[in-house]
Amino acid sequence: MSMMMSANMYGVQPYSQILNHFKLEAGADKNIMKCIEENSKMFMEDGNLGLAQMVLKRVKQKQVRKLGEVYITLGFKEIQDKAGLAKDVDVEKYLMKMIHTGQMKAKINRETKTVQFTDEENMLEIVDSIEAKNRRIVELMNFIGDKERHMKTD
């Protein structure tokens, strides 16, 4: 069955529903998943089931990014719960992929199983802060070295 015939048979309502749910914030992933399940036959016939599933994936990624706007640091379990990720999802790998592809800026701490959300501006502040602390350490080490030399000569 051609895509045009299938779309005409079912109408474009399921596509519009996905679009409308995508625009909403709360519960978008559940609503899109329900729409995909209810209309999976039509999406398969249109050859767009993969596309519909990709929209669901993007909604979940958007929810993870939004967490970074609210929280500075969050545990993997909290991310999984708040973003509505499936229980079988490896959160660390999921986050690593999002970071690697540039979808979000964050730092993962494997030991504590947390992620620290950052943005580019914040990263520059962190780098500047580290450089300032390093300069201060060098100054203190030089100061201590001078004091030790003065003590030896006195």
N, C-alpha and C. Protein backbone atom coordinates (compact mmCIF):
# COMPACT_ATOMS: atom_id res chain seq x y z
N MET A 1 0.86 -1.16 0.00
CA MET A 1 0.00 0.00 0.00
C MET A 1 0.91 1.23 0.00
N SER A 2 0.59 2.17 -0.84
CA SER A 2 1.45 3.35 -0.93
C SER A 2 1.26 4.23 0.30
N MET A 3 2.29 5.07 0.54
CA MET A 3 2.25 5.95 1.69
C MET A 3 1.05 6.90 1.60
N MET A 4 0.77 7.39 0.41
CA MET A 4 -0.32 8.33 0.22
C MET A 4 -1.67 7.67 0.51
N MET A 5 -1.83 6.43 0.03
CA MET A 5 -3.09 5.73 0.28
C MET A 5 -3.28 5.48 1.76
N SER A 6 -2.22 5.06 2.44
CA SER A 6 -2.31 4.77 3.86
C SER A 6 -2.63 6.03 4.65
N ALA A 7 -1.95 7.13 4.32
CA ALA A 7 -2.21 8.39 5.01
C ALA A 7 -3.64 8.85 4.78
N ASN A 8 -4.16 8.62 3.57
CA ASN A 8 -5.53 9.02 3.28
C ASN A 8 -6.53 8.14 4.02
N MET A 9 -6.21 6.82 4.13
CA MET A 9 -7.10 5.91 4.83
C MET A 9 -7.22 6.27 6.30
N TYR A 10 -6.10 6.53 6.93
CA TYR A 10 -6.07 6.80 8.36
C TYR A 10 -6.19 8.29 8.68
N GLY A 11 -5.87 9.10 7.72
CA GLY A 11 -5.81 10.53 7.98
C GLY A 11 -4.45 10.89 8.57
N VAL A 12 -4.23 12.14 8.78
CA VAL A 12 -2.95 12.59 9.33
C VAL A 12 -3.04 12.84 10.83
N GLN A 13 -4.17 12.51 11.41
CA GLN A 13 -4.38 12.77 12.83
C GLN A 13 -3.28 12.17 13.72
N PRO A 14 -2.86 10.92 13.54
CA PRO A 14 -1.80 10.40 14.41
C PRO A 14 -0.50 11.21 14.32
N TYR A 15 -0.17 11.69 13.13
CA TYR A 15 1.03 12.52 12.96
C TYR A 15 0.85 13.84 13.70
N SER A 16 -0.33 14.40 13.61
CA SER A 16 -0.61 15.66 14.32
C SER A 16 -0.57 15.45 15.82
N GLN A 17 -1.06 14.29 16.27
CA GLN A 17 -1.02 13.99 17.70
C GLN A 17 0.41 13.94 18.21
N ILE A 18 1.27 13.27 17.47
CA ILE A 18 2.68 13.18 17.88
C ILE A 18 3.28 14.58 17.94
N LEU A 19 3.01 15.39 16.93
CA LEU A 19 3.53 16.75 16.91
C LEU A 19 3.03 17.54 18.12
N ASN A 20 1.76 17.45 18.41
CA ASN A 20 1.20 18.18 19.55
C ASN A 20 1.79 17.69 20.88
N HIS A 21 1.96 16.37 21.02
CA HIS A 21 2.54 15.83 22.24
C HIS A 21 4.01 16.25 22.37
N PHE A 22 4.70 16.32 21.24
CA PHE A 22 6.12 16.70 21.25
C PHE A 22 6.27 18.12 21.79
N LYS A 23 5.32 18.98 21.47
CA LYS A 23 5.38 20.38 21.91
C LYS A 23 5.14 20.51 23.40
N LEU A 24 4.37 19.58 23.97
CA LEU A 24 4.07 19.62 25.40
C LEU A 24 5.28 19.16 26.19
N GLU A 25 5.39 19.61 27.41
CA GLU A 25 6.51 19.22 28.27
C GLU A 25 6.15 17.99 29.10
N ALA A 26 5.19 18.13 29.96
CA ALA A 26 4.87 17.07 30.91
C ALA A 26 4.19 15.89 30.23
N GLY A 27 4.74 14.71 30.44
CA GLY A 27 4.12 13.50 29.93
C GLY A 27 4.21 13.29 28.44
N ALA A 28 5.03 14.07 27.75
CA ALA A 28 5.12 13.96 26.29
C ALA A 28 5.54 12.56 25.87
N ASP A 29 6.51 11.97 26.56
CA ASP A 29 6.99 10.65 26.16
C ASP A 29 5.89 9.59 26.29
N LYS A 30 5.12 9.65 27.37
CA LYS A 30 4.04 8.67 27.57
C LYS A 30 2.94 8.84 26.52
N ASN A 31 2.61 10.10 26.23
CA ASN A 31 1.57 10.36 25.24
C ASN A 31 2.01 9.94 23.83
N ILE A 32 3.27 10.21 23.50
CA ILE A 32 3.78 9.80 22.18
C ILE A 32 3.84 8.29 22.09
N MET A 33 4.31 7.63 23.16
CA MET A 33 4.38 6.17 23.16
C MET A 33 2.98 5.58 22.98
N LYS A 34 2.00 6.13 23.65
CA LYS A 34 0.62 5.65 23.51
C LYS A 34 0.14 5.84 22.07
N CYS A 35 0.43 6.99 21.49
CA CYS A 35 0.02 7.28 20.11
C CYS A 35 0.70 6.31 19.14
N ILE A 36 1.98 6.03 19.37
CA ILE A 36 2.70 5.09 18.50
C ILE A 36 2.09 3.70 18.61
N GLU A 37 1.81 3.26 19.85
CA GLU A 37 1.22 1.94 20.05
C GLU A 37 -0.15 1.83 19.39
N GLU A 38 -0.96 2.85 19.56
CA GLU A 38 -2.32 2.84 19.00
C GLU A 38 -2.32 2.88 17.48
N ASN A 39 -1.30 3.48 16.90
CA ASN A 39 -1.27 3.67 15.44
C ASN A 39 -0.09 2.96 14.78
N SER A 40 0.45 1.95 15.45
CA SER A 40 1.65 1.28 14.93
C SER A 40 1.41 0.66 13.55
N LYS A 41 0.21 0.13 13.33
CA LYS A 41 -0.09 -0.48 12.03
C LYS A 41 0.02 0.56 10.92
N MET A 42 -0.56 1.74 11.14
CA MET A 42 -0.50 2.79 10.13
C MET A 42 0.94 3.26 9.92
N PHE A 43 1.69 3.46 11.03
CA PHE A 43 3.08 3.91 10.89
C PHE A 43 3.92 2.87 10.13
N MET A 44 3.65 1.57 10.38
CA MET A 44 4.39 0.53 9.65
C MET A 44 4.03 0.55 8.18
N GLU A 45 2.75 0.68 7.89
CA GLU A 45 2.32 0.72 6.49
C GLU A 45 2.87 1.93 5.76
N ASP A 46 2.99 3.04 6.45
CA ASP A 46 3.56 4.26 5.86
C ASP A 46 5.08 4.19 5.78
N GLY A 47 5.67 3.22 6.47
CA GLY A 47 7.13 3.15 6.52
C GLY A 47 7.71 4.18 7.47
N ASN A 48 6.92 4.62 8.44
CA ASN A 48 7.35 5.69 9.35
C ASN A 48 7.40 5.27 10.81
N LEU A 49 7.34 3.97 11.09
CA LEU A 49 7.39 3.53 12.48
C LEU A 49 8.74 3.93 13.11
N GLY A 50 9.81 3.75 12.38
CA GLY A 50 11.13 4.15 12.87
C GLY A 50 11.21 5.64 13.15
N LEU A 51 10.60 6.42 12.28
CA LEU A 51 10.58 7.87 12.47
C LEU A 51 9.80 8.23 13.74
N ALA A 52 8.66 7.59 13.93
CA ALA A 52 7.86 7.85 15.13
C ALA A 52 8.64 7.47 16.39
N GLN A 53 9.36 6.35 16.33
CA GLN A 53 10.16 5.93 17.48
C GLN A 53 11.33 6.89 17.72
N MET A 54 11.87 7.47 16.65
CA MET A 54 12.94 8.44 16.78
C MET A 54 12.44 9.71 17.49
N VAL A 55 11.21 10.10 17.20
CA VAL A 55 10.61 11.26 17.88
C VAL A 55 10.55 10.98 19.38
N LEU A 56 10.14 9.77 19.74
CA LEU A 56 10.08 9.39 21.16
C LEU A 56 11.46 9.47 21.79
N LYS A 57 12.46 9.00 21.09
CA LYS A 57 13.84 9.04 21.59
C LYS A 57 14.28 10.49 21.81
N ARG A 58 13.96 11.36 20.87
CA ARG A 58 14.33 12.78 20.98
C ARG A 58 13.63 13.45 22.16
N VAL A 59 12.38 13.06 22.41
CA VAL A 59 11.66 13.63 23.55
C VAL A 59 12.37 13.27 24.85
N LYS A 60 12.80 12.03 24.97
CA LYS A 60 13.50 11.60 26.18
C LYS A 60 14.83 12.34 26.33
N GLN A 61 15.55 12.55 25.22
CA GLN A 61 16.80 13.30 25.28
C GLN A 61 16.53 14.75 25.68
N LYS A 62 15.45 15.30 25.17
CA LYS A 62 15.07 16.67 25.53
C LYS A 62 14.79 16.75 27.02
N GLN A 63 14.14 15.73 27.56
CA GLN A 63 13.84 15.72 28.99
C GLN A 63 15.12 15.65 29.83
N VAL A 64 16.11 14.88 29.36
CA VAL A 64 17.38 14.81 30.07
C VAL A 64 18.07 16.18 30.04
N ARG A 65 18.08 16.84 28.87
CA ARG A 65 18.68 18.17 28.76
C ARG A 65 17.98 19.17 29.67
N LYS A 66 16.66 19.08 29.76
CA LYS A 66 15.90 20.00 30.62
C LYS A 66 16.28 19.82 32.09
N LEU A 67 16.64 18.61 32.48
CA LEU A 67 17.08 18.39 33.86
C LEU A 67 18.31 19.24 34.17
N GLY A 68 19.16 19.42 33.17
CA GLY A 68 20.36 20.25 33.34
C GLY A 68 20.04 21.71 33.55
N GLU A 69 18.85 22.14 33.18
CA GLU A 69 18.44 23.52 33.41
C GLU A 69 17.95 23.72 34.85
N VAL A 70 17.59 22.62 35.50
CA VAL A 70 17.04 22.70 36.85
C VAL A 70 18.07 22.27 37.90
N TYR A 71 18.84 21.24 37.59
CA TYR A 71 19.78 20.67 38.55
C TYR A 71 21.22 20.91 38.11
N ILE A 72 22.11 21.00 39.09
CA ILE A 72 23.54 21.09 38.79
C ILE A 72 24.12 19.68 38.75
N THR A 73 23.78 18.88 39.76
CA THR A 73 24.25 17.50 39.85
C THR A 73 23.06 16.60 40.12
N LEU A 74 23.06 15.45 39.47
CA LEU A 74 21.94 14.52 39.63
C LEU A 74 22.47 13.10 39.49
N GLY A 75 21.93 12.19 40.27
CA GLY A 75 22.31 10.78 40.20
C GLY A 75 21.68 10.10 39.00
N PHE A 76 22.32 9.00 38.57
CA PHE A 76 21.82 8.26 37.41
C PHE A 76 20.38 7.81 37.62
N LYS A 77 20.07 7.32 38.82
CA LYS A 77 18.73 6.81 39.12
C LYS A 77 17.70 7.92 39.00
N GLU A 78 18.04 9.12 39.52
CA GLU A 78 17.12 10.25 39.44
C GLU A 78 16.89 10.66 37.99
N ILE A 79 17.96 10.63 37.20
CA ILE A 79 17.83 10.97 35.78
C ILE A 79 16.92 9.97 35.10
N GLN A 80 17.13 8.71 35.40
CA GLN A 80 16.30 7.65 34.80
C GLN A 80 14.83 7.86 35.14
N ASP A 81 14.56 8.17 36.41
CA ASP A 81 13.18 8.36 36.85
C ASP A 81 12.57 9.64 36.29
N LYS A 82 13.28 10.75 36.40
CA LYS A 82 12.73 12.05 36.01
C LYS A 82 12.59 12.21 34.49
N ALA A 83 13.47 11.55 33.74
CA ALA A 83 13.40 11.64 32.28
C ALA A 83 12.54 10.53 31.68
N GLY A 84 12.09 9.61 32.50
CA GLY A 84 11.23 8.53 32.01
C GLY A 84 11.96 7.51 31.17
N LEU A 85 13.26 7.30 31.47
CA LEU A 85 14.01 6.30 30.73
C LEU A 85 13.62 4.90 31.20
N ALA A 86 13.64 3.96 30.30
CA ALA A 86 13.28 2.58 30.65
C ALA A 86 14.26 2.04 31.70
N LYS A 87 13.79 1.12 32.50
CA LYS A 87 14.61 0.56 33.58
C LYS A 87 15.83 -0.20 33.07
N ASP A 88 15.76 -0.71 31.83
CA ASP A 88 16.88 -1.48 31.29
C ASP A 88 17.92 -0.60 30.58
N VAL A 89 17.71 0.72 30.59
CA VAL A 89 18.64 1.63 29.92
C VAL A 89 19.88 1.81 30.79
N ASP A 90 21.07 1.67 30.18
CA ASP A 90 22.32 1.97 30.87
C ASP A 90 22.48 3.49 30.83
N VAL A 91 22.16 4.14 31.94
CA VAL A 91 22.10 5.60 32.01
C VAL A 91 23.46 6.21 31.68
N GLU A 92 24.52 5.61 32.20
CA GLU A 92 25.86 6.15 31.93
C GLU A 92 26.16 6.16 30.43
N LYS A 93 25.89 5.06 29.74
CA LYS A 93 26.13 5.01 28.29
C LYS A 93 25.22 5.99 27.56
N TYR A 94 23.99 6.10 28.00
CA TYR A 94 23.01 7.02 27.40
C TYR A 94 23.53 8.45 27.50
N LEU A 95 24.00 8.84 28.70
CA LEU A 95 24.52 10.18 28.91
C LEU A 95 25.81 10.41 28.13
N MET A 96 26.68 9.40 28.12
CA MET A 96 27.95 9.52 27.38
C MET A 96 27.68 9.78 25.90
N LYS A 97 26.71 9.08 25.35
CA LYS A 97 26.38 9.28 23.94
C LYS A 97 25.85 10.69 23.70
N MET A 98 25.01 11.18 24.60
CA MET A 98 24.49 12.54 24.46
C MET A 98 25.61 13.57 24.56
N ILE A 99 26.54 13.34 25.46
CA ILE A 99 27.68 14.27 25.62
C ILE A 99 28.56 14.20 24.38
N HIS A 100 28.86 12.98 23.95
CA HIS A 100 29.76 12.78 22.80
C HIS A 100 29.19 13.40 21.52
N THR A 101 27.88 13.33 21.34
CA THR A 101 27.27 13.88 20.14
C THR A 101 26.95 15.37 20.27
N GLY A 102 27.31 15.96 21.41
CA GLY A 102 27.13 17.39 21.60
C GLY A 102 25.71 17.81 21.94
N GLN A 103 24.87 16.86 22.35
CA GLN A 103 23.49 17.18 22.69
C GLN A 103 23.37 17.84 24.05
N MET A 104 24.40 17.67 24.88
CA MET A 104 24.42 18.33 26.18
C MET A 104 25.85 18.42 26.68
N LYS A 105 26.07 19.33 27.60
CA LYS A 105 27.37 19.51 28.23
C LYS A 105 27.24 19.02 29.66
N ALA A 106 28.07 18.05 30.01
CA ALA A 106 28.01 17.50 31.36
C ALA A 106 29.29 16.75 31.66
N LYS A 107 29.49 16.49 32.93
CA LYS A 107 30.64 15.71 33.39
C LYS A 107 30.10 14.55 34.21
N ILE A 108 30.54 13.34 33.88
CA ILE A 108 30.06 12.15 34.56
C ILE A 108 31.07 11.71 35.61
N ASN A 109 30.58 11.41 36.80
CA ASN A 109 31.41 10.85 37.86
C ASN A 109 31.00 9.40 38.04
N ARG A 110 31.85 8.50 37.57
CA ARG A 110 31.50 7.07 37.60
C ARG A 110 31.46 6.52 39.01
N GLU A 111 32.33 7.03 39.88
CA GLU A 111 32.39 6.51 41.25
C GLU A 111 31.09 6.78 42.00
N THR A 112 30.57 8.00 41.89
CA THR A 112 29.35 8.36 42.61
C THR A 112 28.09 8.15 41.78
N LYS A 113 28.28 7.76 40.52
CA LYS A 113 27.16 7.55 39.60
C LYS A 113 26.28 8.80 39.53
N THR A 114 26.95 9.93 39.30
CA THR A 114 26.25 11.20 39.16
C THR A 114 26.73 11.90 37.90
N VAL A 115 25.96 12.89 37.50
CA VAL A 115 26.35 13.72 36.36
C VAL A 115 26.23 15.17 36.81
N GLN A 116 27.24 15.96 36.44
CA GLN A 116 27.21 17.39 36.73
C GLN A 116 26.95 18.10 35.42
N PHE A 117 25.80 18.74 35.34
CA PHE A 117 25.42 19.46 34.13
C PHE A 117 26.18 20.78 34.07
N THR A 118 26.69 21.10 32.90
CA THR A 118 27.40 22.37 32.71
C THR A 118 26.99 22.93 31.37
N ASP A 119 27.31 24.18 31.17
CA ASP A 119 27.17 24.75 29.84
C ASP A 119 28.54 25.31 29.47
N GLU A 120 28.71 25.75 28.24
CA GLU A 120 30.02 26.21 27.80
C GLU A 120 30.51 27.36 28.65
N GLU A 121 29.64 28.30 28.99
CA GLU A 121 30.03 29.42 29.81
C GLU A 121 30.49 28.93 31.16
N ASN A 122 29.76 28.00 31.74
CA ASN A 122 30.10 27.43 33.03
C ASN A 122 31.45 26.71 32.94
N MET A 123 31.70 26.00 31.85
CA MET A 123 32.97 25.30 31.67
C MET A 123 34.13 26.29 31.67
N LEU A 124 33.96 27.44 31.02
CA LEU A 124 35.01 28.45 31.01
C LEU A 124 35.27 28.96 32.42
N GLU A 125 34.22 29.14 33.18
CA GLU A 125 34.38 29.57 34.57
C GLU A 125 35.14 28.52 35.37
N ILE A 126 34.83 27.25 35.15
CA ILE A 126 35.51 26.17 35.86
C ILE A 126 36.99 26.15 35.49
N VAL A 127 37.29 26.26 34.21
CA VAL A 127 38.69 26.26 33.76
C VAL A 127 39.43 27.46 34.36
N ASP A 128 38.82 28.64 34.32
CA ASP A 128 39.44 29.84 34.90
C ASP A 128 39.69 29.65 36.39
N SER A 129 38.73 29.08 37.07
CA SER A 129 38.87 28.84 38.52
C SER A 129 40.03 27.88 38.80
N ILE A 130 40.13 26.82 38.02
CA ILE A 130 41.22 25.84 38.21
C ILE A 130 42.56 26.50 37.94
N GLU A 131 42.64 27.29 36.87
CA GLU A 131 43.90 27.99 36.56
C GLU A 131 44.29 28.95 37.67
N ALA A 132 43.32 29.67 38.23
CA ALA A 132 43.59 30.59 39.33
C ALA A 132 44.09 29.83 40.55
N LYS A 133 43.48 28.71 40.85
CA LYS A 133 43.92 27.89 41.99
C LYS A 133 45.32 27.34 41.75
N ASN A 134 45.61 26.92 40.53
CA ASN A 134 46.95 26.43 40.22
C ASN A 134 47.99 27.54 40.40
N ARG A 135 47.68 28.75 39.94
CA ARG A 135 48.60 29.88 40.12
C ARG A 135 48.83 30.14 41.61
N ARG A 136 47.77 30.07 42.40
CA ARG A 136 47.89 30.30 43.85
C ARG A 136 48.76 29.22 44.48
N ILE A 137 48.62 27.99 44.06
CA ILE A 137 49.44 26.89 44.58
C ILE A 137 50.91 27.14 44.28
N VAL A 138 51.20 27.55 43.06
CA VAL A 138 52.59 27.84 42.67
C VAL A 138 53.14 28.98 43.52
N GLU A 139 52.34 30.03 43.72
CA GLU A 139 52.77 31.15 44.56
C GLU A 139 53.09 30.68 45.97
N LEU A 140 52.21 29.85 46.54
CA LEU A 140 52.42 29.35 47.90
C LEU A 140 53.65 28.45 47.97
N MET A 141 53.85 27.63 46.96
CA MET A 141 55.03 26.75 46.94
C MET A 141 56.30 27.60 46.87
N ASN A 142 56.30 28.64 46.06
CA ASN A 142 57.46 29.54 45.98
C ASN A 142 57.68 30.25 47.31
N PHE A 143 56.60 30.68 47.95
CA PHE A 143 56.68 31.35 49.25
C PHE A 143 57.31 30.42 50.28
N ILE A 144 56.82 29.18 50.33
CA ILE A 144 57.34 28.19 51.28
C ILE A 144 58.81 27.90 50.98
N GLY A 145 59.15 27.77 49.70
CA GLY A 145 60.54 27.55 49.31
C GLY A 145 61.44 28.68 49.76
N ASP A 146 60.99 29.92 49.60
CA ASP A 146 61.76 31.08 50.05
C ASP A 146 61.94 31.04 51.56
N LYS A 147 60.87 30.74 52.30
CA LYS A 147 60.95 30.67 53.76
C LYS A 147 61.91 29.58 54.21
N GLU A 148 61.89 28.43 53.53
CA GLU A 148 62.80 27.34 53.89
C GLU A 148 64.25 27.76 53.65
N ARG A 149 64.51 28.44 52.54
CA ARG A 149 65.88 28.91 52.25
C ARG A 149 66.34 29.93 53.28
N HIS A 150 65.45 30.83 53.69
CA HIS A 150 65.79 31.83 54.71
C HIS A 150 66.06 31.17 56.05
N MET A 151 65.28 30.13 56.35
CA MET A 151 65.50 29.44 57.63
C MET A 151 66.83 28.72 57.64
N LYS A 152 67.24 28.15 56.51
CA LYS A 152 68.52 27.42 56.43
C LYS A 152 69.69 28.39 56.53
N THR A 153 69.55 29.58 55.98
CA THR A 153 70.66 30.53 56.01
C THR A 153 70.74 31.29 57.33
N ASP A 154 69.69 31.28 58.11
CA ASP A 154 69.72 32.00 59.39
C ASP A 154 70.31 31.19 60.47
